[in-house]
Protein backbone atom coordinates (compact mmCIF):
# COMPACT_ATOMS: atom_id res chain seq x y z
CA MET A 1 117.31 153.60 101.11
CA PRO A 2 116.65 150.16 101.82
CA ASP A 3 119.28 148.78 104.88
CA GLN A 4 122.55 147.27 103.34
CA GLY A 5 123.16 146.09 106.30
CA ARG A 6 120.50 143.38 107.40
CA LYS A 7 120.25 140.09 104.92
CA SER A 8 116.99 138.57 104.88
CA SER A 9 117.21 134.37 105.04
CA ALA A 10 113.55 134.00 103.48
CA ALA A 11 113.89 133.41 99.58
CA PRO A 12 113.27 136.51 97.38
CA SER A 13 109.76 136.78 96.12
CA LEU A 14 107.30 139.14 94.25
CA SER A 15 105.31 139.51 97.83
CA ASN A 16 108.45 141.21 99.42
CA GLN A 17 109.20 144.12 97.00
CA PRO A 18 108.89 147.24 98.32
CA ASN A 19 106.21 148.35 96.24
CA SER A 20 103.14 150.07 98.59
CA ALA A 21 100.94 149.11 95.95
CA CYS A 22 101.32 145.49 96.65
CA LEU A 23 100.85 145.54 100.07
CA PRO A 24 97.07 145.01 100.56
CA GLN A 25 97.31 141.73 98.07
CA THR A 26 100.40 140.52 100.16
CA ALA A 27 98.55 140.80 102.87
CA CYS A 28 95.63 139.40 101.53
CA LEU A 29 97.88 136.29 100.53
CA ALA A 30 98.92 135.96 104.04
CA GLN A 31 95.64 135.18 105.07
CA ALA A 32 94.76 132.87 102.40
CA ILE A 33 97.65 131.06 103.43
CA GLU A 34 96.67 130.96 107.03
CA LYS A 35 93.45 129.45 105.81
CA LEU A 36 94.81 126.98 104.16
CA LYS A 37 96.66 125.47 106.62
CA SER A 38 93.44 125.93 109.05
CA LEU A 39 91.75 122.38 109.43
CA HIS A 40 88.69 124.50 109.52
CA TYR A 41 88.86 126.47 106.17
CA GLY A 42 91.35 124.61 104.83
CA ASP A 43 89.19 124.35 101.24
CA GLN A 44 88.60 127.80 100.94
CA GLY A 45 91.87 129.12 101.76
CA LEU A 46 93.14 126.87 98.90
CA LEU A 47 90.64 128.56 96.79
CA GLU A 48 91.58 131.84 97.60
CA THR A 49 95.17 131.27 97.93
CA VAL A 50 95.44 129.87 94.48
CA THR A 51 93.63 132.93 92.93
CA HIS A 52 96.87 134.98 93.69
CA GLY A 53 98.84 133.23 91.03
CA TRP A 54 102.76 132.98 90.84
CA ARG A 55 102.37 135.17 93.44
CA ALA A 56 101.34 132.36 95.70
CA VAL A 57 104.42 129.79 94.91
CA PRO A 58 107.02 130.90 97.30
CA PRO A 59 105.04 130.79 100.38
CA LEU A 60 103.46 127.49 99.12
CA ARG A 61 106.76 126.05 98.70
CA ALA A 62 107.66 127.46 102.30
CA LEU A 63 104.92 125.63 103.61
CA LEU A 64 105.30 122.34 101.65
CA TYR A 65 109.22 122.12 103.28
CA LYS A 66 107.92 123.26 106.60
CA ARG A 67 107.65 120.20 108.99
CA GLU A 68 104.87 119.12 110.81
CA PRO A 69 105.80 117.49 114.39
CA SER A 70 102.30 116.43 115.36
CA GLY A 71 101.89 114.33 111.96
CA ILE A 72 99.42 116.56 110.71
CA PHE A 73 98.77 115.66 107.20
CA GLN A 74 96.23 118.18 105.89
CA PRO A 75 97.41 121.49 105.19
CA ARG A 76 100.44 120.34 102.97
CA CYS A 77 98.24 118.01 101.00
CA ARG A 78 96.31 121.17 100.06
CA VAL A 79 99.95 122.71 99.49
CA VAL A 80 100.03 120.42 96.54
CA GLN A 81 96.65 120.61 95.30
CA ALA A 82 97.60 124.27 95.21
CA LEU A 83 100.71 123.55 93.54
CA VAL A 84 98.99 121.48 90.99
CA ILE A 85 96.58 123.99 89.82
CA LEU A 86 99.50 126.68 89.33
CA LYS A 87 101.30 124.14 87.33
CA ALA A 88 103.75 124.56 89.68
CA TYR A 89 105.41 121.05 88.85
CA ASP A 90 109.20 122.55 89.38
CA VAL A 91 108.37 122.40 93.27
CA LEU A 92 106.83 119.21 93.89
CA ALA A 93 109.69 117.52 91.79
CA GLU A 94 112.03 119.69 93.81
CA PHE A 95 110.37 118.70 96.76
CA LEU A 96 110.59 114.30 96.15
CA ALA A 97 113.66 115.01 95.14
CA THR A 98 114.85 116.33 98.28
CA PRO A 99 116.05 113.42 100.78
CA ARG A 100 114.14 113.75 104.20
CA GLU A 101 113.19 110.76 106.68
CA ALA A 102 112.46 112.12 110.15
CA ALA A 103 113.45 110.60 113.11
CA ASP A 104 110.34 110.47 114.90
CA PRO A 105 107.34 107.98 113.47
CA VAL A 106 104.55 110.22 113.82
CA GLU A 107 106.15 113.49 112.11
CA ARG A 108 107.44 110.20 108.94
CA ILE A 109 103.91 109.32 108.39
CA GLY A 110 102.49 112.51 108.10
CA ASP A 111 105.72 113.29 105.80
CA GLU A 112 104.92 110.12 103.71
CA VAL A 113 101.12 111.27 102.96
CA VAL A 114 102.50 114.17 101.52
CA ILE A 115 105.03 112.57 99.35
CA ASN A 116 102.67 110.12 98.29
CA ARG A 117 100.17 112.87 97.19
CA ALA A 118 102.98 114.83 95.43
CA ALA A 119 104.02 111.43 93.61
CA ARG A 120 100.64 111.04 92.28
CA ALA A 121 100.74 114.77 91.09
CA LEU A 122 104.22 114.54 89.37
CA GLY A 123 102.46 111.67 87.55
CA GLY A 124 99.93 113.29 86.09
CA LEU A 125 102.30 115.31 84.18
CA HIS A 126 103.28 112.61 82.06
CA GLU A 127 107.07 113.63 80.91
CA LEU A 128 109.94 112.06 80.64
CA HIS A 129 111.88 114.05 83.37
CA ALA A 130 108.64 113.01 85.60
CA PHE A 131 108.85 109.57 84.78
CA GLU A 132 112.78 109.32 85.92
CA LEU A 133 112.34 110.91 89.05
CA LEU A 134 109.21 108.66 89.54
CA MET A 135 111.66 105.27 89.00
CA TRP A 136 114.26 106.83 91.29
CA LEU A 137 112.05 107.26 94.21
CA ALA A 138 111.24 103.77 93.66
CA GLU A 139 114.10 102.33 94.04
CA THR A 140 114.91 104.68 97.62
CA ASN A 141 111.70 105.38 98.83
CA PRO A 142 108.87 102.82 97.08
CA LEU A 143 106.21 104.19 98.81
CA PRO A 144 102.26 103.79 97.10
CA GLY A 145 101.86 106.89 95.60
CA VAL A 146 105.19 106.34 93.80
CA MET A 147 103.66 102.93 92.43
CA ALA A 148 100.49 104.70 91.57
CA ALA A 149 102.22 107.15 89.84
CA LEU A 150 104.53 104.47 87.65
CA GLY A 151 101.35 102.31 87.06
CA GLY A 152 99.43 105.26 85.87
CA SER A 153 102.16 106.52 83.51
CA GLY A 154 101.80 103.42 80.62
CA ARG A 155 105.57 102.87 80.17
CA VAL A 156 106.47 99.32 80.34
CA GLU A 157 110.19 100.67 81.84
CA ALA A 158 108.38 100.70 84.70
CA ILE A 159 107.31 97.31 85.62
CA PRO A 160 110.12 95.76 86.74
CA TYR A 161 110.32 98.64 89.31
CA LEU A 162 106.41 97.88 90.47
CA VAL A 163 107.43 93.66 90.57
CA ALA A 164 109.99 94.77 93.01
CA ALA A 165 107.49 96.59 95.44
CA LEU A 166 105.29 93.37 95.62
CA ALA A 167 107.75 92.47 98.46
CA GLU A 168 107.03 95.60 100.44
CA ASP A 169 103.91 95.33 102.53
CA GLU A 170 103.14 98.86 102.19
CA SER A 171 103.54 99.33 98.59
CA ARG A 172 102.14 95.90 97.14
CA LEU A 173 98.79 96.90 97.12
CA ALA A 174 99.28 99.92 94.70
CA ALA A 175 101.70 98.25 92.54
CA GLU A 176 99.10 94.74 92.16
CA THR A 177 96.92 97.24 91.08
CA SER A 178 99.04 99.32 88.81
CA LEU A 179 100.50 95.61 87.17
CA ARG A 180 96.88 94.89 86.91
CA ASN A 181 96.55 97.83 84.06
CA PHE A 182 99.50 96.70 82.41
CA GLY A 183 97.82 93.26 81.37
CA LEU A 184 99.43 90.98 79.48
CA LEU A 185 102.55 93.60 79.19
CA ALA A 186 103.87 92.12 82.74
CA HIS A 187 103.26 88.59 82.78
CA GLN A 188 106.64 87.78 81.79
CA ALA A 189 108.19 89.81 84.67
CA LEU A 190 105.48 88.50 86.82
CA ALA A 191 106.08 84.88 86.14
CA VAL A 192 110.51 85.51 86.30
CA ALA A 193 109.50 86.52 89.96
CA ALA A 194 107.27 84.03 90.90
CA CYS A 195 109.97 81.21 90.23
CA ARG A 196 113.27 82.98 91.00
CA SER A 197 114.90 81.79 94.28
CA SER A 198 112.08 79.62 94.57
CA ASP A 199 114.76 76.78 95.82
CA GLU A 200 116.37 78.46 98.34
CA ALA A 201 116.41 78.15 101.98
CA PRO A 202 115.34 79.55 104.19
CA GLU A 203 113.43 81.56 102.23
CA SER A 204 112.65 85.52 103.32
CA GLU A 205 108.97 86.33 104.02
CA SER A 206 109.15 89.21 102.17
CA ARG A 207 110.25 87.36 99.24
CA LEU A 208 107.82 84.65 99.58
CA ARG A 209 105.13 87.21 99.58
CA GLN A 210 106.43 88.51 96.40
CA ARG A 211 106.40 85.45 94.96
CA ARG A 212 102.99 84.91 96.04
CA SER A 213 101.75 88.14 95.17
CA ALA A 214 103.09 87.54 91.73
CA LEU A 215 101.54 84.38 90.94
CA GLY A 216 98.46 85.78 92.26
CA LEU A 217 98.10 88.46 90.01
CA LEU A 218 99.32 86.04 87.06
CA SER A 219 96.20 83.11 88.46
CA GLU A 220 93.67 85.91 88.09
CA THR A 221 93.51 85.82 84.18
CA GLY A 222 95.71 82.86 83.24
CA VAL A 223 98.90 82.77 81.10
CA ARG A 224 99.73 82.27 77.36
CA PRO A 225 99.89 78.72 76.73
CA GLU A 226 103.93 79.72 75.93
CA LEU A 227 104.55 80.37 79.71
CA TRP A 228 102.78 78.12 81.37
CA PRO A 229 105.96 75.42 81.38
CA VAL A 230 107.88 78.36 82.91
CA LEU A 231 105.56 78.08 86.05
CA ARG A 232 104.35 74.60 85.82
CA LYS A 233 106.71 73.27 88.87
CA LEU A 234 105.14 75.58 91.51
CA MET A 235 102.44 73.48 91.63
CA GLN A 236 104.99 70.98 93.78
CA ASP A 237 106.25 74.38 95.41
CA ARG A 238 106.70 73.48 99.28
CA ASP A 239 104.94 76.39 100.16
CA THR A 240 100.90 75.34 100.08
CA LYS A 241 99.64 79.01 98.92
CA ILE A 242 102.02 78.68 95.70
CA SER A 243 101.36 75.10 94.94
CA VAL A 244 97.57 76.14 94.91
CA LEU A 245 97.86 79.33 92.73
CA ALA A 246 99.66 77.18 90.30
CA CYS A 247 97.11 75.03 90.20
CA LYS A 248 94.71 77.39 89.29
CA ILE A 249 97.05 78.93 86.74
CA CYS A 250 96.97 75.61 85.53
CA LEU A 251 93.28 75.03 84.97
CA LYS A 252 93.01 77.88 83.40
CA SER A 253 96.11 77.91 80.64
CA ALA A 254 97.54 74.49 80.52
CA SER A 255 96.34 71.25 78.55
CA GLU A 256 93.25 68.65 79.41
CA PRO A 257 95.38 66.17 80.97
CA GLU A 258 97.75 68.63 82.97
CA ARG A 259 94.32 69.92 84.02
CA ARG A 260 93.42 67.02 85.58
CA GLY A 261 96.80 66.49 87.40
CA SER A 262 96.35 69.79 88.98
CA VAL A 263 92.76 68.74 90.04
CA LEU A 264 94.50 65.83 91.55
CA ARG A 265 97.01 68.36 93.17
CA LEU A 266 94.53 70.66 94.71
CA ARG A 267 92.64 67.96 96.56
CA SER A 268 95.99 66.54 98.13
CA LEU A 269 96.73 70.40 99.45
CA LEU A 270 93.03 70.13 101.08
CA ARG A 271 94.62 68.65 104.15
CA ALA A 272 97.21 70.81 104.81
CA ALA A 273 95.65 74.00 103.92
CA ASP A 274 94.31 76.29 106.86
CA PHE A 275 91.02 77.36 106.95
CA LEU A 276 91.03 80.68 104.09
CA LEU A 277 93.19 78.56 101.58
CA LYS A 278 90.95 75.48 102.35
CA GLU A 279 87.74 77.47 100.98
CA GLU A 280 89.67 79.18 98.16
CA ILE A 281 90.74 75.51 97.03
CA GLU A 282 87.51 73.94 97.47
CA SER A 283 85.69 77.11 95.03
CA CYS A 284 88.44 76.61 92.88
CA LEU A 285 87.09 72.81 92.24
CA ALA A 286 83.77 73.86 92.70
CA ILE A 287 84.31 76.45 89.56
CA HIS A 288 86.43 73.80 87.68
CA PHE A 289 83.57 71.17 87.62
CA GLY A 290 80.74 74.01 86.85
CA ARG A 291 79.33 75.54 89.73
CA SER A 292 78.79 79.52 89.78
CA ALA A 293 79.71 81.45 92.43
CA GLU A 294 76.65 82.80 93.40
CA GLN A 295 75.94 78.77 94.04
CA LEU A 296 78.87 78.58 96.29
CA GLU A 297 77.75 81.80 98.36
CA ARG A 298 74.49 80.32 98.64
CA GLU A 299 76.26 76.69 99.77
CA ARG A 300 78.86 78.65 102.41
CA ALA A 301 75.38 81.07 103.52
CA ALA A 302 73.56 78.03 104.47
CA LYS A 303 76.56 76.33 106.16
CA THR A 304 77.01 79.14 108.62
CA ALA A 305 73.97 79.09 109.34
CA LEU A 306 73.73 75.44 110.19
CA PHE A 307 76.40 75.55 112.23
CA GLY A 308 75.40 79.13 113.93
CA MET A 309 72.22 77.29 115.00
């Protein structure tokens, strides 16, 4: 008879059933989990753990939720990988939906790595409930993994969240990559973001970076002719970088008279530009007038060698 007076705090699982035939397998699973937690034998432990099938899910879930003050994240990232192999996406969704923010910055960094990995894994599910969870995360915790997963969804509903993430230093690169994948579908939202509140004084640094990022993405390809009038005024923006990017778009997308005007504007901006922006302007003008990127690189190399002597 089991002891009715004692209650276990552990979640019930198959491995806790009082079946003596399961004891060797239970010990084997526990050993595999210990290996998975090891920095040296973690990959071997991962392979051994998933061979136990769904019996491995409860201990994997417990490890996923376990705090790690040291910030070491590799074991829990392997847990995410194991749960994906076992198709235990409900555990990953539950984990992502559970609010957490460690007070210690080292622990928090480790948590964010695991959250990023879990978000990317959930994005691979391509189901509506997973996408809705990712959109919620984009509002509450816009980490790079969340942005990558939203971009991988291919759903246009993700675009506003990705554009908003351009204001965040940590998630900007992932959001930019995802927005590139949407191509023309993202151009309208990017144009709105680039123009919005450009006359506000003072403009916050995060807002300025978002505008620069949005305009930079548009400058990579140019825009449809009907979208250019929305961006035209940015050639006179008080931020030099914004003005340069708008001029680059003009050279790709506007009429010939306007392109001539943008050349004059770029030349006028050279005086106020820093070294890197000045190089960008010179490259833009050189390419516009028919010199290749390879020629420019050779000229820069020659100039560097000259001044280095």
